[in-house]
Amino acid sequence: MTTDDPEYAEIGARLKAIRVGFSDLKQAAWAEKHGFRQTQYNNWEKGVRRIPVEAAEVLCDRYGLTLDAIYRGRMDGISQQALKVF
């Protein structure tokens, strides 16, 4: 699992879009707000590690997203507000 893995990089880019689109929080504050460790979240957003399903579900439940939106970039089934983020 490295930043050279395009799948993780794309997931990370979507995570960043979610953070920036739904808040003006920096990574550390965003991570704390959602119960994630900052270093853990940073690794997800940078594409170094893949966000676990349980953590992605936290974002899905809070922001009207789907796991497909986070992991695959498929936008069908997400909220209108979430569509504006991407």
Protein backbone atom coordinates (compact mmCIF):
# COMPACT_ATOMS: atom_id res chain seq x y z
CA MET A 1 0.00 0.00 0.00
CA THR A 2 1.81 3.07 -1.23
CA THR A 3 0.89 6.46 -2.60
CA ASP A 4 1.73 5.03 -6.04
CA ASP A 5 -1.42 2.89 -5.84
CA PRO A 6 -3.93 4.88 -7.91
CA GLU A 7 -6.93 3.25 -6.24
CA TYR A 8 -5.94 4.59 -2.83
CA ALA A 9 -4.94 7.96 -4.26
CA GLU A 10 -8.38 8.31 -5.82
CA ILE A 11 -10.09 7.34 -2.57
CA GLY A 12 -7.89 9.85 -0.76
CA ALA A 13 -8.84 12.60 -3.22
CA ARG A 14 -12.52 11.86 -2.62
CA LEU A 15 -11.98 11.96 1.15
CA LYS A 16 -10.31 15.35 0.82
CA ALA A 17 -13.17 16.61 -1.36
CA ILE A 18 -15.63 15.46 1.32
CA ARG A 19 -13.69 17.23 4.09
CA VAL A 20 -13.28 20.47 2.14
CA GLY A 21 -16.80 20.37 0.71
CA PHE A 22 -18.55 19.86 4.04
CA SER A 23 -16.36 21.98 6.30
CA ASP A 24 -13.56 24.47 6.62
CA LEU A 25 -11.75 22.22 9.09
CA LYS A 26 -8.11 21.20 8.84
CA GLN A 27 -7.36 17.47 8.84
CA ALA A 28 -6.68 17.27 12.59
CA ALA A 29 -9.95 18.92 13.59
CA TRP A 30 -11.92 16.93 11.00
CA ALA A 31 -10.41 13.66 12.22
CA GLU A 32 -11.19 14.48 15.85
CA LYS A 33 -14.76 15.50 15.00
CA HIS A 34 -15.38 12.07 13.46
CA GLY A 35 -13.51 9.98 16.01
CA PHE A 36 -10.46 9.25 13.85
CA ARG A 37 -6.83 9.75 14.81
CA GLN A 38 -5.21 12.55 12.80
CA THR A 39 -2.30 10.44 11.54
CA GLN A 40 -4.72 7.69 10.56
CA TYR A 41 -6.95 10.11 8.63
CA ASN A 42 -3.92 11.77 7.01
CA ASN A 43 -2.81 8.38 5.68
CA TRP A 44 -6.27 7.78 4.22
CA GLU A 45 -6.49 11.19 2.58
CA LYS A 46 -2.97 10.94 1.16
CA GLY A 47 -3.73 7.49 -0.27
CA VAL A 48 -1.09 5.72 1.82
CA ARG A 49 -3.75 3.50 3.43
CA ARG A 50 -7.31 2.61 2.48
CA ILE A 51 -10.02 3.88 4.81
CA PRO A 52 -11.67 0.93 6.59
CA VAL A 53 -15.32 0.27 5.81
CA GLU A 54 -16.38 1.06 9.39
CA ALA A 55 -14.75 4.50 9.21
CA ALA A 56 -16.20 5.18 5.75
CA GLU A 57 -19.65 4.29 7.08
CA VAL A 58 -19.31 7.09 9.66
CA LEU A 59 -18.92 9.58 6.80
CA CYS A 60 -21.70 7.95 4.77
CA ASP A 61 -24.18 8.18 7.63
CA ARG A 62 -23.32 11.77 8.46
CA TYR A 63 -23.12 13.25 4.95
CA GLY A 64 -25.54 11.25 2.81
CA LEU A 65 -22.81 9.34 0.98
CA THR A 66 -22.50 5.74 -0.11
CA LEU A 67 -19.58 3.38 0.14
CA ASP A 68 -19.57 3.28 -3.66
CA ALA A 69 -19.05 7.06 -3.71
CA ILE A 70 -16.05 6.85 -1.40
CA TYR A 71 -14.42 3.69 -2.75
CA ARG A 72 -15.39 3.70 -6.42
CA GLY A 73 -16.40 7.27 -7.20
CA ARG A 74 -19.93 6.24 -8.20
CA MET A 75 -22.24 9.12 -7.36
CA ASP A 76 -25.67 7.54 -7.86
CA GLY A 77 -27.62 7.34 -4.62
CA ILE A 78 -25.88 10.14 -2.73
CA SER A 79 -27.55 13.26 -1.34
CA GLN A 80 -27.89 16.42 -3.43
CA GLN A 81 -25.60 18.23 -0.99
CA ALA A 82 -22.96 15.52 -1.41
CA LEU A 83 -23.19 15.77 -5.20
CA LYS A 84 -22.08 19.41 -4.95
CA VAL A 85 -18.91 18.35 -3.15
CA PHE A 86 -17.63 16.29 -6.07
